[in-house]
């Protein structure tokens, strides 16, 4: 929620990981839509939604073994 609009307006893409705060979910609804924002609280560990400004948000995984 504390991400300034001046910053997010310049983003070509965003990786959105699991979040549960209502205000944060509401904030990102404007970018990714209500249906995808509703997916955020249940994302598994190391998974994220990739937003690139298109109509479709992509589910991705970035797990690594060190």
Foldseek 3Di string as FASTA:
>chain_A
DPDDPVVVVPDQKDWQAADDDPVVLVVCCVQQNNVVSVCRNVDDPQWTWMGRRDNDIDIDGDDDDD
